[in-house]
Amino acid sequence: MRAAARTFALVSALSMAGATAAWAQTHGHGHSHKGGQEQKIGMYEAELVVKGKEISLYLNDKNDKPVDAKGFKANAEILAKDGKKQVELAPTGGNRMAATYDFAVDGKFRATVTLASGGNEIGKGRYNLDIGK
């Protein structure tokens, strides 16, 4: 009985670890450096932060080291109250890209960000931020 309990505990722990790893792969590794939401886009960790009407995207490599945003382009398709809107984010120095927006959103800030470099699309990240806090 004691061995069965240990086996059950081990199987449960491994199942939880697998589920957590699968969630992290799908949803980025989840932690925030700047107070936003981080998603994996291609080989980069891209954190989207929204403060007021300003959108910032911070780029880091797989080791969480800042990546110079110069040479990157990003387009955010944002779900606004009156439909989808497009916003271009431009490098602002360091690992940050930024833009402002001038339309209303419904409590949550939902965006799909397409990241590109050298004219080639790297990938997309989907973000869902609670900006009503």
C-alpha atoms as a PDB file:
ATOM      1  CA  MET A   1       0.000   0.000   0.000  1.00  0.00           C
ATOM      2  CA  ARG A   2       2.824   2.369   0.857  1.00  0.00           C
ATOM      3  CA  ALA A   3       4.564   1.704  -2.485  1.00  0.00           C
ATOM      4  CA  ALA A   4       1.266   2.297  -4.304  1.00  0.00           C
ATOM      5  CA  ALA A   5       0.895   5.678  -2.595  1.00  0.00           C
ATOM      6  CA  ARG A   6       4.429   6.683  -3.627  1.00  0.00           C
ATOM      7  CA  THR A   7       3.761   5.569  -7.206  1.00  0.00           C
ATOM      8  CA  PHE A   8       0.520   7.553  -7.286  1.00  0.00           C
ATOM      9  CA  ALA A   9       2.303  10.655  -5.913  1.00  0.00           C
ATOM     10  CA  LEU A  10       5.085  10.325  -8.513  1.00  0.00           C
ATOM     11  CA  VAL A  11       2.627   9.870 -11.404  1.00  0.00           C
ATOM     12  CA  SER A  12       0.597  12.863 -10.176  1.00  0.00           C
ATOM     13  CA  ALA A  13       3.702  15.047  -9.930  1.00  0.00           C
ATOM     14  CA  LEU A  14       4.886  14.061 -13.402  1.00  0.00           C
ATOM     15  CA  SER A  15       1.425  14.731 -14.854  1.00  0.00           C
ATOM     16  CA  MET A  16       1.353  18.196 -13.287  1.00  0.00           C
ATOM     17  CA  ALA A  17       4.864  18.950 -14.584  1.00  0.00           C
ATOM     18  CA  GLY A  18       3.854  17.871 -18.094  1.00  0.00           C
ATOM     19  CA  ALA A  19       0.692  19.964 -18.018  1.00  0.00           C
ATOM     20  CA  THR A  20       2.637  22.981 -16.757  1.00  0.00           C
ATOM     21  CA  ALA A  21       5.273  22.580 -19.483  1.00  0.00           C
ATOM     22  CA  ALA A  22       2.603  22.277 -22.175  1.00  0.00           C
ATOM     23  CA  TRP A  23       0.831  25.402 -20.878  1.00  0.00           C
ATOM     24  CA  ALA A  24       4.119  27.328 -20.776  1.00  0.00           C
ATOM     25  CA  GLN A  25       4.914  26.365 -24.372  1.00  0.00           C
ATOM     26  CA  THR A  26       1.502  27.498 -25.533  1.00  0.00           C
ATOM     27  CA  HIS A  27       1.286  30.638 -23.426  1.00  0.00           C
ATOM     28  CA  GLY A  28       4.863  31.852 -23.099  1.00  0.00           C
ATOM     29  CA  HIS A  29       6.631  31.247 -19.865  1.00  0.00           C
ATOM     30  CA  GLY A  30       4.247  33.569 -18.152  1.00  0.00           C
ATOM     31  CA  HIS A  31       6.364  35.780 -15.970  1.00  0.00           C
ATOM     32  CA  SER A  32       6.548  39.495 -16.474  1.00  0.00           C
ATOM     33  CA  HIS A  33       9.536  41.780 -16.306  1.00  0.00           C
ATOM     34  CA  LYS A  34       7.753  45.083 -16.929  1.00  0.00           C
ATOM     35  CA  GLY A  35       4.212  44.374 -15.708  1.00  0.00           C
ATOM     36  CA  GLY A  36       2.742  43.053 -18.958  1.00  0.00           C
ATOM     37  CA  GLN A  37       2.320  39.650 -20.546  1.00  0.00           C
ATOM     38  CA  GLU A  38       5.140  37.675 -22.144  1.00  0.00           C
ATOM     39  CA  GLN A  39       4.719  35.383 -25.159  1.00  0.00           C
ATOM     40  CA  LYS A  40       7.191  33.437 -27.249  1.00  0.00           C
ATOM     41  CA  ILE A  41       7.461  34.794 -30.793  1.00  0.00           C
ATOM     42  CA  GLY A  42       9.873  32.761 -32.868  1.00  0.00           C
ATOM     43  CA  MET A  43      13.076  32.517 -30.862  1.00  0.00           C
ATOM     44  CA  TYR A  44      12.262  35.600 -28.775  1.00  0.00           C
ATOM     45  CA  GLU A  45      10.356  36.284 -25.570  1.00  0.00           C
ATOM     46  CA  ALA A  46       8.219  39.338 -26.285  1.00  0.00           C
ATOM     47  CA  GLU A  47       6.548  41.153 -23.398  1.00  0.00           C
ATOM     48  CA  LEU A  48       3.638  43.450 -24.224  1.00  0.00           C
ATOM     49  CA  VAL A  49       2.945  46.258 -21.743  1.00  0.00           C
ATOM     50  CA  VAL A  50       0.043  48.720 -21.992  1.00  0.00           C
ATOM     51  CA  LYS A  51       0.073  51.885 -19.860  1.00  0.00           C
ATOM     52  CA  GLY A  52      -2.523  54.506 -20.628  1.00  0.00           C
ATOM     53  CA  LYS A  53      -2.615  54.793 -24.411  1.00  0.00           C
ATOM     54  CA  GLU A  54       0.972  53.592 -24.908  1.00  0.00           C
ATOM     55  CA  ILE A  55       1.896  50.083 -26.057  1.00  0.00           C
ATOM     56  CA  SER A  56       5.418  48.773 -25.453  1.00  0.00           C
ATOM     57  CA  LEU A  57       6.932  45.519 -26.676  1.00  0.00           C
ATOM     58  CA  TYR A  58      10.145  44.359 -24.987  1.00  0.00           C
ATOM     59  CA  LEU A  59      12.300  41.741 -26.740  1.00  0.00           C
ATOM     60  CA  ASN A  60      14.487  39.231 -24.895  1.00  0.00           C
ATOM     61  CA  ASP A  61      16.311  36.128 -26.044  1.00  0.00           C
ATOM     62  CA  LYS A  62      15.662  32.634 -24.685  1.00  0.00           C
ATOM     63  CA  ASN A  63      18.019  33.391 -21.777  1.00  0.00           C
ATOM     64  CA  ASP A  64      16.025  36.526 -20.825  1.00  0.00           C
ATOM     65  CA  LYS A  65      18.787  38.825 -22.102  1.00  0.00           C
ATOM     66  CA  PRO A  66      17.604  42.030 -23.829  1.00  0.00           C
ATOM     67  CA  VAL A  67      17.724  41.976 -27.636  1.00  0.00           C
ATOM     68  CA  ASP A  68      18.331  45.269 -29.474  1.00  0.00           C
ATOM     69  CA  ALA A  69      15.013  46.122 -31.163  1.00  0.00           C
ATOM     70  CA  LYS A  70      16.743  48.075 -33.946  1.00  0.00           C
ATOM     71  CA  GLY A  71      16.003  46.325 -37.236  1.00  0.00           C
ATOM     72  CA  PHE A  72      12.744  44.783 -35.977  1.00  0.00           C
ATOM     73  CA  LYS A  73       9.219  45.741 -36.981  1.00  0.00           C
ATOM     74  CA  ALA A  74       6.028  44.884 -35.147  1.00  0.00           C
ATOM     75  CA  ASN A  75       2.389  45.221 -36.073  1.00  0.00           C
ATOM     76  CA  ALA A  76      -0.344  44.892 -33.456  1.00  0.00           C
ATOM     77  CA  GLU A  77      -3.873  43.970 -34.501  1.00  0.00           C
ATOM     78  CA  ILE A  78      -5.967  45.155 -31.559  1.00  0.00           C
ATOM     79  CA  LEU A  79      -9.579  44.280 -30.807  1.00  0.00           C
ATOM     80  CA  ALA A  80     -11.216  47.684 -30.238  1.00  0.00           C
ATOM     81  CA  LYS A  81     -14.831  48.392 -29.247  1.00  0.00           C
ATOM     82  CA  ASP A  82     -15.654  49.165 -32.877  1.00  0.00           C
ATOM     83  CA  GLY A  83     -13.650  46.392 -34.576  1.00  0.00           C
ATOM     84  CA  LYS A  84     -10.046  45.478 -35.279  1.00  0.00           C
ATOM     85  CA  LYS A  85      -7.411  48.221 -35.486  1.00  0.00           C
ATOM     86  CA  GLN A  86      -3.807  48.096 -36.705  1.00  0.00           C
ATOM     87  CA  VAL A  87      -0.924  49.810 -34.898  1.00  0.00           C
ATOM     88  CA  GLU A  88       2.740  49.787 -35.974  1.00  0.00           C
ATOM     89  CA  LEU A  89       5.322  49.592 -33.187  1.00  0.00           C
ATOM     90  CA  ALA A  90       8.738  51.114 -33.841  1.00  0.00           C
ATOM     91  CA  PRO A  91      12.072  50.661 -32.038  1.00  0.00           C
ATOM     92  CA  THR A  92      12.643  53.310 -29.359  1.00  0.00           C
ATOM     93  CA  GLY A  93      16.076  52.256 -28.113  1.00  0.00           C
ATOM     94  CA  GLY A  94      17.346  49.216 -26.298  1.00  0.00           C
ATOM     95  CA  ASN A  95      15.028  46.220 -26.446  1.00  0.00           C
ATOM     96  CA  ARG A  96      11.827  48.296 -26.590  1.00  0.00           C
ATOM     97  CA  MET A  97       9.390  48.989 -29.418  1.00  0.00           C
ATOM     98  CA  ALA A  98       6.451  51.322 -28.860  1.00  0.00           C
ATOM     99  CA  ALA A  99       3.359  53.010 -30.275  1.00  0.00           C
ATOM    100  CA  THR A 100       0.288  54.844 -29.059  1.00  0.00           C
ATOM    101  CA  TYR A 101      -3.350  54.145 -29.837  1.00  0.00           C
ATOM    102  CA  ASP A 102      -6.363  56.465 -29.852  1.00  0.00           C
ATOM    103  CA  PHE A 103      -9.405  54.179 -29.696  1.00  0.00           C
ATOM    104  CA  ALA A 104     -11.425  52.488 -26.962  1.00  0.00           C
ATOM    105  CA  VAL A 105     -11.053  48.860 -25.925  1.00  0.00           C
ATOM    106  CA  ASP A 106     -13.411  46.783 -23.752  1.00  0.00           C
ATOM    107  CA  GLY A 107     -11.616  46.481 -20.380  1.00  0.00           C
ATOM    108  CA  LYS A 108      -9.283  43.797 -21.722  1.00  0.00           C
ATOM    109  CA  PHE A 109      -6.560  44.672 -24.203  1.00  0.00           C
ATOM    110  CA  ARG A 110      -6.535  41.900 -26.801  1.00  0.00           C
ATOM    111  CA  ALA A 111      -3.890  42.011 -29.493  1.00  0.00           C
ATOM    112  CA  THR A 112      -2.084  39.800 -31.959  1.00  0.00           C
ATOM    113  CA  VAL A 113       1.458  41.053 -32.500  1.00  0.00           C
ATOM    114  CA  THR A 114       3.361  40.115 -35.651  1.00  0.00           C
ATOM    115  CA  LEU A 115       7.127  40.476 -35.277  1.00  0.00           C
ATOM    116  CA  ALA A 116       9.401  40.810 -38.318  1.00  0.00           C
ATOM    117  CA  SER A 117      13.064  41.438 -39.049  1.00  0.00           C
ATOM    118  CA  GLY A 118      14.751  42.121 -42.372  1.00  0.00           C
ATOM    119  CA  GLY A 119      11.419  41.931 -44.166  1.00  0.00           C
ATOM    120  CA  ASN A 120      10.770  38.388 -42.904  1.00  0.00           C
ATOM    121  CA  GLU A 121       8.010  37.494 -40.467  1.00  0.00           C
ATOM    122  CA  ILE A 122       9.388  35.862 -37.325  1.00  0.00           C
ATOM    123  CA  GLY A 123       6.045  34.913 -35.827  1.00  0.00           C
ATOM    124  CA  LYS A 124       2.982  36.039 -33.915  1.00  0.00           C
ATOM    125  CA  GLY A 125       2.070  36.370 -30.254  1.00  0.00           C
ATOM    126  CA  ARG A 126      -1.456  36.671 -28.878  1.00  0.00           C
ATOM    127  CA  TYR A 127      -1.930  38.852 -25.820  1.00  0.00           C
ATOM    128  CA  ASN A 128      -4.840  39.343 -23.443  1.00  0.00           C
ATOM    129  CA  LEU A 129      -4.125  42.022 -20.826  1.00  0.00           C
ATOM    130  CA  ASP A 130      -6.403  43.349 -18.112  1.00  0.00           C
ATOM    131  CA  ILE A 131      -5.827  47.112 -18.394  1.00  0.00           C
ATOM    132  CA  GLY A 132      -8.780  47.967 -16.155  1.00  0.00           C
ATOM    133  CA  LYS A 133      -6.673  47.422 -13.033  1.00  0.00           C
END
